[in-house]
PDB file of N, CA and C in Angstrom:
ATOM      1  N   MET A   1      35.311   4.291 -13.914  1.00  0.00           N
ATOM      2  CA  MET A   1      34.011   4.385 -13.579  1.00  0.00           C
ATOM      3  C   MET A   1      32.972   5.295 -14.386  1.00  0.00           C
ATOM      4  N   GLY A   2      31.727   4.667 -14.931  1.00  0.00           N
ATOM      5  CA  GLY A   2      30.844   5.330 -15.610  1.00  0.00           C
ATOM      6  C   GLY A   2      30.245   6.441 -15.060  1.00  0.00           C
ATOM      7  N   ALA A   3      29.530   7.374 -15.952  1.00  0.00           N
ATOM      8  CA  ALA A   3      28.837   8.301 -15.501  1.00  0.00           C
ATOM      9  C   ALA A   3      27.731   8.006 -14.535  1.00  0.00           C
ATOM     10  N   ALA A   4      27.302   8.832 -13.938  1.00  0.00           N
ATOM     11  CA  ALA A   4      25.851   8.579 -12.972  1.00  0.00           C
ATOM     12  C   ALA A   4      24.831   8.429 -13.874  1.00  0.00           C
ATOM     13  N   SER A   5      23.786   7.653 -13.614  1.00  0.00           N
ATOM     14  CA  SER A   5      22.638   7.555 -14.112  1.00  0.00           C
ATOM     15  C   SER A   5      21.627   8.953 -13.936  1.00  0.00           C
ATOM     16  N   PRO A   6      20.882   9.188 -14.760  1.00  0.00           N
ATOM     17  CA  PRO A   6      20.291  10.479 -14.888  1.00  0.00           C
ATOM     18  C   PRO A   6      19.547  10.488 -13.485  1.00  0.00           C
ATOM     19  N   GLY A   7      18.784   9.437 -12.967  1.00  0.00           N
ATOM     20  CA  GLY A   7      17.992   9.364 -11.762  1.00  0.00           C
ATOM     21  C   GLY A   7      19.003   9.819 -10.558  1.00  0.00           C
ATOM     22  N   ARG A   8      20.170   9.041 -10.452  1.00  0.00           N
ATOM     23  CA  ARG A   8      21.332   9.295  -9.429  1.00  0.00           C
ATOM     24  C   ARG A   8      21.858  10.537  -9.462  1.00  0.00           C
ATOM     25  N   ALA A   9      22.143  11.097 -10.718  1.00  0.00           N
ATOM     26  CA  ALA A   9      22.649  12.359 -10.724  1.00  0.00           C
ATOM     27  C   ALA A   9      21.760  13.538 -10.258  1.00  0.00           C
ATOM     28  N   ARG A  10      20.258  13.318 -10.364  1.00  0.00           N
ATOM     29  CA  ARG A  10      19.294  14.244 -10.073  1.00  0.00           C
ATOM     30  C   ARG A  10      19.065  14.008  -8.424  1.00  0.00           C
ATOM     31  N   PHE A  11      19.105  12.782  -8.010  1.00  0.00           N
ATOM     32  CA  PHE A  11      18.822  12.621  -6.510  1.00  0.00           C
ATOM     33  C   PHE A  11      19.943  13.431  -5.834  1.00  0.00           C
ATOM     34  N   GLU A  12      21.386  13.063  -6.306  1.00  0.00           N
ATOM     35  CA  GLU A  12      22.439  13.752  -5.695  1.00  0.00           C
ATOM     36  C   GLU A  12      22.316  15.241  -5.820  1.00  0.00           C
ATOM     37  N   ALA A  13      21.830  15.812  -6.868  1.00  0.00           N
ATOM     38  CA  ALA A  13      21.697  17.144  -6.817  1.00  0.00           C
ATOM     39  C   ALA A  13      20.474  17.719  -6.020  1.00  0.00           C
ATOM     40  N   ASP A  14      19.540  17.237  -5.886  1.00  0.00           N
ATOM     41  CA  ASP A  14      18.312  17.791  -5.185  1.00  0.00           C
ATOM     42  C   ASP A  14      18.730  17.237  -3.491  1.00  0.00           C
ATOM     43  N   LEU A  15      19.389  16.294  -3.372  1.00  0.00           N
ATOM     44  CA  LEU A  15      19.870  16.044  -2.015  1.00  0.00           C
ATOM     45  C   LEU A  15      20.520  17.149  -1.367  1.00  0.00           C
ATOM     46  N   ARG A  16      21.637  17.434  -2.320  1.00  0.00           N
ATOM     47  CA  ARG A  16      22.558  18.741  -1.785  1.00  0.00           C
ATOM     48  C   ARG A  16      21.680  19.936  -1.514  1.00  0.00           C
ATOM     49  N   ARG A  17      20.803  20.253  -2.377  1.00  0.00           N
ATOM     50  CA  ARG A  17      20.247  21.531  -2.210  1.00  0.00           C
ATOM     51  C   ARG A  17      19.310  21.719  -1.192  1.00  0.00           C
ATOM     52  N   THR A  18      18.610  20.343  -1.197  1.00  0.00           N
ATOM     53  CA  THR A  18      17.551  20.170   0.149  1.00  0.00           C
ATOM     54  C   THR A  18      18.380  20.320   1.287  1.00  0.00           C
ATOM     55  N   VAL A  19      19.086  19.705   1.473  1.00  0.00           N
ATOM     56  CA  VAL A  19      20.032  19.750   2.748  1.00  0.00           C
ATOM     57  C   VAL A  19      20.710  21.313   3.037  1.00  0.00           C
ATOM     58  N   ASP A  20      20.977  22.036   2.073  1.00  0.00           N
ATOM     59  CA  ASP A  20      21.649  23.246   2.147  1.00  0.00           C
ATOM     60  C   ASP A  20      20.419  24.205   2.554  1.00  0.00           C
ATOM     61  N   ARG A  21      19.144  23.841   1.962  1.00  0.00           N
ATOM     62  CA  ARG A  21      17.968  24.626   2.137  1.00  0.00           C
ATOM     63  C   ARG A  21      17.602  24.472   3.827  1.00  0.00           C
ATOM     64  N   VAL A  22      17.647  23.394   4.057  1.00  0.00           N
ATOM     65  CA  VAL A  22      17.182  23.104   5.599  1.00  0.00           C
ATOM     66  C   VAL A  22      18.371  23.598   6.559  1.00  0.00           C
ATOM     67  N   GLY A  23      19.571  23.694   6.089  1.00  0.00           N
ATOM     68  CA  GLY A  23      20.878  24.053   6.889  1.00  0.00           C
ATOM     69  C   GLY A  23      20.670  25.771   6.929  1.00  0.00           C
ATOM     70  N   SER A  24      20.109  26.391   6.009  1.00  0.00           N
ATOM     71  CA  SER A  24      19.697  27.846   6.069  1.00  0.00           C
ATOM     72  C   SER A  24      18.500  28.392   6.674  1.00  0.00           C
ATOM     73  N   LEU A  25      17.903  27.480   7.153  1.00  0.00           N
ATOM     74  CA  LEU A  25      16.490  28.046   7.953  1.00  0.00           C
ATOM     75  C   LEU A  25      16.786  28.322   9.290  1.00  0.00           C
ATOM     76  N   GLY A  26      17.665  28.056  10.215  1.00  0.00           N
ATOM     77  CA  GLY A  26      17.762  28.629  11.337  1.00  0.00           C
ATOM     78  C   GLY A  26      16.839  27.652  12.413  1.00  0.00           C
ATOM     79  N   LEU A  27      17.021  27.622  13.663  1.00  0.00           N
ATOM     80  CA  LEU A  27      16.239  26.769  14.639  1.00  0.00           C
ATOM     81  C   LEU A  27      14.886  27.495  14.912  1.00  0.00           C
ATOM     82  N   PRO A  28      14.655  28.843  15.076  1.00  0.00           N
ATOM     83  CA  PRO A  28      13.216  29.273  14.978  1.00  0.00           C
ATOM     84  C   PRO A  28      12.459  28.752  13.804  1.00  0.00           C
ATOM     85  N   ARG A  29      12.624  28.789  12.526  1.00  0.00           N
ATOM     86  CA  ARG A  29      11.897  28.537  11.378  1.00  0.00           C
ATOM     87  C   ARG A  29      11.785  26.917  11.414  1.00  0.00           C
ATOM     88  N   LEU A  30      12.605  26.264  11.769  1.00  0.00           N
ATOM     89  CA  LEU A  30      12.459  24.814  11.846  1.00  0.00           C
ATOM     90  C   LEU A  30      11.558  24.493  12.849  1.00  0.00           C
ATOM     91  N   ALA A  31      11.347  25.148  13.953  1.00  0.00           N
ATOM     92  CA  ALA A  31      10.503  24.867  15.096  1.00  0.00           C
ATOM     93  C   ALA A  31       9.037  25.193  14.854  1.00  0.00           C
ATOM     94  N   ALA A  32       8.993  26.219  13.848  1.00  0.00           N
ATOM     95  CA  ALA A  32       7.567  26.978  13.627  1.00  0.00           C
ATOM     96  C   ALA A  32       6.700  26.165  12.915  1.00  0.00           C
ATOM     97  N   ALA A  33       5.316  26.314  13.297  1.00  0.00           N
ATOM     98  CA  ALA A  33       4.344  25.478  12.741  1.00  0.00           C
ATOM     99  C   ALA A  33       4.383  25.637  11.399  1.00  0.00           C
ATOM    100  N   PHE A  34       4.018  24.503  10.675  1.00  0.00           N
ATOM    101  CA  PHE A  34       4.155  24.145   9.060  1.00  0.00           C
ATOM    102  C   PHE A  34       3.323  23.020   8.885  1.00  0.00           C
ATOM    103  N   ALA A  35       1.859  23.141   8.416  1.00  0.00           N
ATOM    104  CA  ALA A  35       1.006  22.274   8.092  1.00  0.00           C
ATOM    105  C   ALA A  35       1.388  21.624   6.878  1.00  0.00           C
ATOM    106  N   PRO A  36       1.111  20.324   6.517  1.00  0.00           N
ATOM    107  CA  PRO A  36       0.276  19.430   7.286  1.00  0.00           C
ATOM    108  C   PRO A  36       1.178  18.898   8.699  1.00  0.00           C
ATOM    109  N   GLU A  37       2.473  18.898   8.549  1.00  0.00           N
ATOM    110  CA  GLU A  37       3.155  18.507   9.690  1.00  0.00           C
ATOM    111  C   GLU A  37       3.241  19.283  10.886  1.00  0.00           C
ATOM    112  N   ALA A  38       3.533  19.109  11.904  1.00  0.00           N
ATOM    113  CA  ALA A  38       3.569  19.992  13.205  1.00  0.00           C
ATOM    114  C   ALA A  38       4.614  21.317  12.909  1.00  0.00           C
ATOM    115  N   THR A  39       5.739  20.817  12.342  1.00  0.00           N
ATOM    116  CA  THR A  39       6.936  21.909  12.229  1.00  0.00           C
ATOM    117  C   THR A  39       7.411  21.574  10.981  1.00  0.00           C
ATOM    118  N   ARG A  40       8.398  22.733  10.479  1.00  0.00           N
ATOM    119  CA  ARG A  40       9.317  22.417   9.342  1.00  0.00           C
ATOM    120  C   ARG A  40      10.292  21.297   9.577  1.00  0.00           C
ATOM    121  N   ALA A  41      10.727  21.127  10.609  1.00  0.00           N
ATOM    122  CA  ALA A  41      11.642  20.180  11.352  1.00  0.00           C
ATOM    123  C   ALA A  41      10.833  18.718  11.136  1.00  0.00           C
ATOM    124  N   ASP A  42       9.498  18.450  11.450  1.00  0.00           N
ATOM    125  CA  ASP A  42       8.671  17.366  11.479  1.00  0.00           C
ATOM    126  C   ASP A  42       8.628  16.878   9.767  1.00  0.00           C
ATOM    127  N   ALA A  43       8.616  18.085   8.926  1.00  0.00           N
ATOM    128  CA  ALA A  43       8.434  17.571   7.486  1.00  0.00           C
ATOM    129  C   ALA A  43       9.509  17.067   7.154  1.00  0.00           C
ATOM    130  N   VAL A  44      10.679  17.566   7.420  1.00  0.00           N
ATOM    131  CA  VAL A  44      12.297  17.006   7.190  1.00  0.00           C
ATOM    132  C   VAL A  44      12.319  15.404   7.702  1.00  0.00           C
ATOM    133  N   ARG A  45      11.809  15.393   9.057  1.00  0.00           N
ATOM    134  CA  ARG A  45      12.052  14.165   9.773  1.00  0.00           C
ATOM    135  C   ARG A  45      11.405  13.022   8.851  1.00  0.00           C
ATOM    136  N   ALA A  46      10.078  13.617   8.314  1.00  0.00           N
ATOM    137  CA  ALA A  46       9.100  12.670   7.704  1.00  0.00           C
ATOM    138  C   ALA A  46       9.729  12.147   6.423  1.00  0.00           C
ATOM    139  N   LEU A  47      10.539  13.064   5.614  1.00  0.00           N
ATOM    140  CA  LEU A  47      11.363  12.716   4.565  1.00  0.00           C
ATOM    141  C   LEU A  47      12.531  11.942   4.959  1.00  0.00           C
ATOM    142  N   VAL A  48      13.034  12.162   6.008  1.00  0.00           N
ATOM    143  CA  VAL A  48      14.266  11.362   6.341  1.00  0.00           C
ATOM    144  C   VAL A  48      13.774   9.749   6.506  1.00  0.00           C
ATOM    145  N   GLN A  49      12.541   9.548   7.237  1.00  0.00           N
ATOM    146  CA  GLN A  49      12.236   8.388   7.385  1.00  0.00           C
ATOM    147  C   GLN A  49      11.742   7.732   6.111  1.00  0.00           C
ATOM    148  N   HIS A  50      11.392   8.432   5.197  1.00  0.00           N
ATOM    149  CA  HIS A  50      10.785   7.651   3.906  1.00  0.00           C
ATOM    150  C   HIS A  50      11.913   7.361   2.993  1.00  0.00           C
ATOM    151  N   LEU A  51      13.227   8.228   3.176  1.00  0.00           N
ATOM    152  CA  LEU A  51      14.486   7.669   2.548  1.00  0.00           C
ATOM    153  C   LEU A  51      15.054   6.663   2.986  1.00  0.00           C
ATOM    154  N   ALA A  52      15.084   6.632   4.554  1.00  0.00           N
ATOM    155  CA  ALA A  52      15.473   5.351   4.994  1.00  0.00           C
ATOM    156  C   ALA A  52      14.462   4.161   4.762  1.00  0.00           C
ATOM    157  N   ASP A  53      13.341   4.291   4.737  1.00  0.00           N
ATOM    158  CA  ASP A  53      12.576   3.143   4.416  1.00  0.00           C
ATOM    159  C   ASP A  53      12.936   2.755   2.825  1.00  0.00           C
ATOM    160  N   ILE A  54      13.133   3.511   1.992  1.00  0.00           N
ATOM    161  CA  ILE A  54      13.490   3.129   0.653  1.00  0.00           C
ATOM    162  C   ILE A  54      14.713   2.442   0.549  1.00  0.00           C
ATOM    163  N   ALA A  55      15.739   3.008   1.286  1.00  0.00           N
ATOM    164  CA  ALA A  55      16.981   2.478   1.494  1.00  0.00           C
ATOM    165  C   ALA A  55      17.077   0.937   2.032  1.00  0.00           C
ATOM    166  N   ALA A  56      16.360   0.911   3.093  1.00  0.00           N
ATOM    167  CA  ALA A  56      15.989  -0.803   3.773  1.00  0.00           C
ATOM    168  C   ALA A  56      15.490  -1.399   2.735  1.00  0.00           C
ATOM    169  N   ASP A  57      14.652  -1.115   1.734  1.00  0.00           N
ATOM    170  CA  ASP A  57      13.904  -1.888   1.091  1.00  0.00           C
ATOM    171  C   ASP A  57      14.603  -2.426  -0.318  1.00  0.00           C
ATOM    172  N   LEU A  58      15.562  -1.445  -0.720  1.00  0.00           N
ATOM    173  CA  LEU A  58      16.549  -1.561  -1.754  1.00  0.00           C
ATOM    174  C   LEU A  58      17.564  -2.765  -1.146  1.00  0.00           C
ATOM    175  N   ALA A  59      17.935  -2.610   0.133  1.00  0.00           N
ATOM    176  CA  ALA A  59      18.898  -3.304   0.548  1.00  0.00           C
ATOM    177  C   ALA A  59      18.221  -4.781   0.979  1.00  0.00           C
ATOM    178  N   GLY A  60      17.101  -4.944   1.023  1.00  0.00           N
ATOM    179  CA  GLY A  60      16.450  -6.169   1.424  1.00  0.00           C
ATOM    180  C   GLY A  60      16.738  -6.450   2.916  1.00  0.00           C
ATOM    181  N   GLU A  61      16.506  -5.139   3.956  1.00  0.00           N
ATOM    182  CA  GLU A  61      16.800  -4.989   5.168  1.00  0.00           C
ATOM    183  C   GLU A  61      15.433  -4.729   5.743  1.00  0.00           C
ATOM    184  N   PRO A  62      15.355  -4.961   6.972  1.00  0.00           N
ATOM    185  CA  PRO A  62      13.810  -4.388   7.656  1.00  0.00           C
ATOM    186  C   PRO A  62      14.142  -2.914   7.874  1.00  0.00           C
ATOM    187  N   ARG A  63      12.888  -2.409   7.845  1.00  0.00           N
ATOM    188  CA  ARG A  63      12.772  -1.087   8.045  1.00  0.00           C
ATOM    189  C   ARG A  63      12.940  -0.723   9.500  1.00  0.00           C
ATOM    190  N   ARG A  64      13.633   0.345   9.876  1.00  0.00           N
ATOM    191  CA  ARG A  64      13.971   0.785  11.165  1.00  0.00           C
ATOM    192  C   ARG A  64      13.406   2.332  11.301  1.00  0.00           C
ATOM    193  N   THR A  65      13.024   2.635  12.743  1.00  0.00           N
ATOM    194  CA  THR A  65      12.692   3.981  12.778  1.00  0.00           C
ATOM    195  C   THR A  65      14.051   4.638  13.000  1.00  0.00           C
ATOM    196  N   VAL A  66      14.071   5.830  12.315  1.00  0.00           N
ATOM    197  CA  VAL A  66      15.203   6.858  12.349  1.00  0.00           C
ATOM    198  C   VAL A  66      15.064   7.491  13.872  1.00  0.00           C
ATOM    199  N   PRO A  67      16.012   7.618  14.879  1.00  0.00           N
ATOM    200  CA  PRO A  67      15.927   8.337  15.869  1.00  0.00           C
ATOM    201  C   PRO A  67      15.454   9.682  15.734  1.00  0.00           C
ATOM    202  N   ARG A  68      14.773  10.238  16.683  1.00  0.00           N
ATOM    203  CA  ARG A  68      14.237  11.635  16.844  1.00  0.00           C
ATOM    204  C   ARG A  68      15.222  12.317  17.356  1.00  0.00           C
ATOM    205  N   LEU A  69      16.008  13.237  16.762  1.00  0.00           N
ATOM    206  CA  LEU A  69      17.218  14.128  17.319  1.00  0.00           C
ATOM    207  C   LEU A  69      16.555  15.747  17.413  1.00  0.00           C
ATOM    208  N   GLY A  70      17.183  16.417  18.113  1.00  0.00           N
ATOM    209  CA  GLY A  70      16.859  17.865  18.040  1.00  0.00           C
ATOM    210  C   GLY A  70      16.613  18.369  16.667  1.00  0.00           C
ATOM    211  N   ASP A  71      16.160  19.404  16.464  1.00  0.00           N
ATOM    212  CA  ASP A  71      15.975  20.067  15.222  1.00  0.00           C
ATOM    213  C   ASP A  71      17.090  20.401  14.415  1.00  0.00           C
ATOM    214  N   GLN A  72      18.040  20.870  15.225  1.00  0.00           N
ATOM    215  CA  GLN A  72      19.224  21.380  14.881  1.00  0.00           C
ATOM    216  C   GLN A  72      20.055  20.037  13.933  1.00  0.00           C
ATOM    217  N   ALA A  73      19.477  18.891  14.284  1.00  0.00           N
ATOM    218  CA  ALA A  73      20.291  17.811  13.561  1.00  0.00           C
ATOM    219  C   ALA A  73      19.493  17.238  12.121  1.00  0.00           C
ATOM    220  N   VAL A  74      18.276  17.771  11.941  1.00  0.00           N
ATOM    221  CA  VAL A  74      17.500  17.152  10.899  1.00  0.00           C
ATOM    222  C   VAL A  74      18.247  17.397   9.489  1.00  0.00           C
ATOM    223  N   GLY A  75      18.867  18.301   9.298  1.00  0.00           N
ATOM    224  CA  GLY A  75      19.631  18.488   7.961  1.00  0.00           C
ATOM    225  C   GLY A  75      20.734  17.433   7.860  1.00  0.00           C
ATOM    226  N   ASP A  76      21.499  17.002   9.182  1.00  0.00           N
ATOM    227  CA  ASP A  76      22.499  15.960   9.051  1.00  0.00           C
ATOM    228  C   ASP A  76      21.851  14.775   8.870  1.00  0.00           C
ATOM    229  N   GLN A  77      20.733  14.539   9.148  1.00  0.00           N
ATOM    230  CA  GLN A  77      19.934  13.240   9.283  1.00  0.00           C
ATOM    231  C   GLN A  77      19.631  12.962   7.814  1.00  0.00           C
ATOM    232  N   LEU A  78      19.106  14.218   7.097  1.00  0.00           N
ATOM    233  CA  LEU A  78      18.668  14.075   5.757  1.00  0.00           C
ATOM    234  C   LEU A  78      19.887  13.670   4.849  1.00  0.00           C
ATOM    235  N   ALA A  79      20.952  14.386   5.121  1.00  0.00           N
ATOM    236  CA  ALA A  79      22.156  13.864   4.476  1.00  0.00           C
ATOM    237  C   ALA A  79      22.723  12.480   4.511  1.00  0.00           C
ATOM    238  N   VAL A  80      22.777  12.088   5.745  1.00  0.00           N
ATOM    239  CA  VAL A  80      23.139  10.661   6.289  1.00  0.00           C
ATOM    240  C   VAL A  80      22.048   9.672   5.360  1.00  0.00           C
ATOM    241  N   CYS A  81      20.909   9.855   5.705  1.00  0.00           N
ATOM    242  CA  CYS A  81      19.945   9.085   5.008  1.00  0.00           C
ATOM    243  C   CYS A  81      19.743   9.036   3.469  1.00  0.00           C
ATOM    244  N   GLY A  82      20.122  10.075   2.941  1.00  0.00           N
ATOM    245  CA  GLY A  82      20.146  10.369   1.604  1.00  0.00           C
ATOM    246  C   GLY A  82      21.479   9.750   0.850  1.00  0.00           C
ATOM    247  N   HIS A  83      22.532   9.583   1.605  1.00  0.00           N
ATOM    248  CA  HIS A  83      23.624   8.878   1.231  1.00  0.00           C
ATOM    249  C   HIS A  83      23.588   7.543   1.338  1.00  0.00           C
ATOM    250  N   ASP A  84      22.768   7.055   2.448  1.00  0.00           N
ATOM    251  CA  ASP A  84      22.681   5.539   2.554  1.00  0.00           C
ATOM    252  C   ASP A  84      21.768   5.124   1.488  1.00  0.00           C
ATOM    253  N   LEU A  85      20.683   5.930   0.953  1.00  0.00           N
ATOM    254  CA  LEU A  85      20.005   5.470  -0.200  1.00  0.00           C
ATOM    255  C   LEU A  85      20.722   5.453  -1.329  1.00  0.00           C
ATOM    256  N   LEU A  86      21.616   6.386  -1.454  1.00  0.00           N
ATOM    257  CA  LEU A  86      22.671   6.328  -2.744  1.00  0.00           C
ATOM    258  C   LEU A  86      23.492   4.818  -2.714  1.00  0.00           C
ATOM    259  N   ALA A  87      23.986   4.538  -1.615  1.00  0.00           N
ATOM    260  CA  ALA A  87      24.710   3.405  -1.394  1.00  0.00           C
ATOM    261  C   ALA A  87      23.839   2.111  -1.802  1.00  0.00           C
ATOM    262  N   ALA A  88      22.422   2.157  -1.212  1.00  0.00           N
ATOM    263  CA  ALA A  88      21.649   0.928  -1.360  1.00  0.00           C
ATOM    264  C   ALA A  88      21.364   0.770  -2.683  1.00  0.00           C
ATOM    265  N   ALA A  89      21.183   2.163  -3.559  1.00  0.00           N
ATOM    266  CA  ALA A  89      20.765   2.133  -4.800  1.00  0.00           C
ATOM    267  C   ALA A  89      21.887   1.617  -5.664  1.00  0.00           C
ATOM    268  N   ALA A  90      23.179   1.955  -5.287  1.00  0.00           N
ATOM    269  CA  ALA A  90      24.284   1.546  -5.993  1.00  0.00           C
ATOM    270  C   ALA A  90      24.597  -0.108  -5.995  1.00  0.00           C
ATOM    271  N   SER A  91      24.371  -0.575  -4.751  1.00  0.00           N
ATOM    272  CA  SER A  91      24.517  -2.032  -4.568  1.00  0.00           C
ATOM    273  C   SER A  91      23.427  -2.940  -5.219  1.00  0.00           C
ATOM    274  N   ASP A  92      22.162  -2.255  -5.224  1.00  0.00           N
ATOM    275  CA  ASP A  92      21.023  -2.756  -5.912  1.00  0.00           C
ATOM    276  C   ASP A  92      21.340  -2.721  -7.505  1.00  0.00           C
ATOM    277  N   GLY A  93      21.797  -1.701  -8.008  1.00  0.00           N
ATOM    278  CA  GLY A  93      22.129  -1.512  -9.296  1.00  0.00           C
ATOM    279  C   GLY A  93      20.960  -1.197 -10.250  1.00  0.00           C
ATOM    280  N   SER A  94      19.786  -1.276  -9.909  1.00  0.00           N
ATOM    281  CA  SER A  94      18.636  -1.343 -10.815  1.00  0.00           C
ATOM    282  C   SER A  94      17.644  -0.038 -10.619  1.00  0.00           C
ATOM    283  N   ASP A  95      17.551   0.491  -9.311  1.00  0.00           N
ATOM    284  CA  ASP A  95      16.558   1.323  -9.040  1.00  0.00           C
ATOM    285  C   ASP A  95      16.688   2.871  -9.387  1.00  0.00           C
ATOM    286  N   ASP A  96      17.011   3.290 -10.594  1.00  0.00           N
ATOM    287  CA  ASP A  96      16.928   4.506 -10.757  1.00  0.00           C
ATOM    288  C   ASP A  96      15.728   5.067 -10.728  1.00  0.00           C
ATOM    289  N   ALA A  97      14.411   4.338 -10.946  1.00  0.00           N
ATOM    290  CA  ALA A  97      13.197   4.761 -10.637  1.00  0.00           C
ATOM    291  C   ALA A  97      13.053   5.172  -9.211  1.00  0.00           C
ATOM    292  N   ALA A  98      13.510   4.537  -8.239  1.00  0.00           N
ATOM    293  CA  ALA A  98      13.566   4.833  -6.757  1.00  0.00           C
ATOM    294  C   ALA A  98      14.329   6.015  -6.521  1.00  0.00           C
ATOM    295  N   LEU A  99      15.343   6.279  -7.008  1.00  0.00           N
ATOM    296  CA  LEU A  99      16.068   7.699  -6.839  1.00  0.00           C
ATOM    297  C   LEU A  99      15.235   8.702  -7.439  1.00  0.00           C
ATOM    298  N   THR A 100      14.739   8.593  -8.714  1.00  0.00           N
ATOM    299  CA  THR A 100      13.870   9.771  -9.468  1.00  0.00           C
ATOM    300  C   THR A 100      12.688  10.201  -8.560  1.00  0.00           C
ATOM    301  N   ALA A 101      12.000   9.097  -7.968  1.00  0.00           N
ATOM    302  CA  ALA A 101      10.897   9.367  -7.233  1.00  0.00           C
ATOM    303  C   ALA A 101      11.431  10.055  -5.909  1.00  0.00           C
ATOM    304  N   ALA A 102      12.559   9.606  -5.265  1.00  0.00           N
ATOM    305  CA  ALA A 102      13.046  10.506  -4.129  1.00  0.00           C
ATOM    306  C   ALA A 102      13.538  11.751  -4.185  1.00  0.00           C
ATOM    307  N   ALA A 103      13.953  11.866  -5.524  1.00  0.00           N
ATOM    308  CA  ALA A 103      14.413  13.121  -5.822  1.00  0.00           C
ATOM    309  C   ALA A 103      13.017  14.164  -6.139  1.00  0.00           C
ATOM    310  N   ASP A 104      11.909  13.581  -6.366  1.00  0.00           N
ATOM    311  CA  ASP A 104      10.795  14.219  -6.401  1.00  0.00           C
ATOM    312  C   ASP A 104      10.240  14.754  -5.219  1.00  0.00           C
ATOM    313  N   ASP A 105      10.466  13.920  -4.203  1.00  0.00           N
ATOM    314  CA  ASP A 105      10.109  13.999  -2.751  1.00  0.00           C
ATOM    315  C   ASP A 105      10.873  15.472  -2.338  1.00  0.00           C
ATOM    316  N   LEU A 106      12.239  15.256  -2.496  1.00  0.00           N
ATOM    317  CA  LEU A 106      13.273  16.173  -1.955  1.00  0.00           C
ATOM    318  C   LEU A 106      12.771  17.660  -2.867  1.00  0.00           C
ATOM    319  N   LEU A 107      12.634  17.748  -3.940  1.00  0.00           N
ATOM    320  CA  LEU A 107      12.235  18.961  -4.580  1.00  0.00           C
ATOM    321  C   LEU A 107      10.833  19.441  -3.896  1.00  0.00           C
ATOM    322  N   ASP A 108       9.830  18.468  -3.467  1.00  0.00           N
ATOM    323  CA  ASP A 108       8.768  18.906  -3.059  1.00  0.00           C
ATOM    324  C   ASP A 108       8.819  19.660  -1.767  1.00  0.00           C
ATOM    325  N   LEU A 109       9.614  18.995  -0.882  1.00  0.00           N
ATOM    326  CA  LEU A 109       9.884  19.449   0.306  1.00  0.00           C
ATOM    327  C   LEU A 109      10.614  20.871   0.354  1.00  0.00           C
ATOM    328  N   ARG A 110      11.692  20.750  -0.457  1.00  0.00           N
ATOM    329  CA  ARG A 110      12.471  22.090  -0.765  1.00  0.00           C
ATOM    330  C   ARG A 110      11.270  23.132  -1.040  1.00  0.00           C
ATOM    331  N   ARG A 111      10.422  22.987  -2.015  1.00  0.00           N
ATOM    332  CA  ARG A 111       9.635  23.987  -2.451  1.00  0.00           C
ATOM    333  C   ARG A 111       8.687  24.411  -1.251  1.00  0.00           C
ATOM    334  N   ARG A 112       8.356  23.429  -0.371  1.00  0.00           N
ATOM    335  CA  ARG A 112       7.258  23.894   0.736  1.00  0.00           C
ATOM    336  C   ARG A 112       8.166  24.349   1.915  1.00  0.00           C
ATOM    337  N   LEU A 113       9.497  24.396   1.957  1.00  0.00           N
ATOM    338  CA  LEU A 113      10.089  25.090   3.027  1.00  0.00           C
ATOM    339  C   LEU A 113      10.299  26.430   2.810  1.00  0.00           C
TER     340      LEU A 113
END
């Protein structure tokens, strides 16, 4: 198997770092007010939905709303949707640009958290 593309490698690294960052926040910080979203957990949820939408687009499937779970689950949802995006990009085989843009989104969220 060949080496990962630069976009894929960067997305994987940013996903891991962002999931770790979300997991380190604790429930009180996740629930705290956080503009422009209502809370930090809501900021993560927005990115989770965005990643799910990109994965659906790449897979040629309809977009679906990600279920709203408790704040303690947002890190897990981020990890799952991130891995779903990686799988969709691998099956599509052509969307390094989508992974690079999604990595930028992960980095932006991590910096804001």
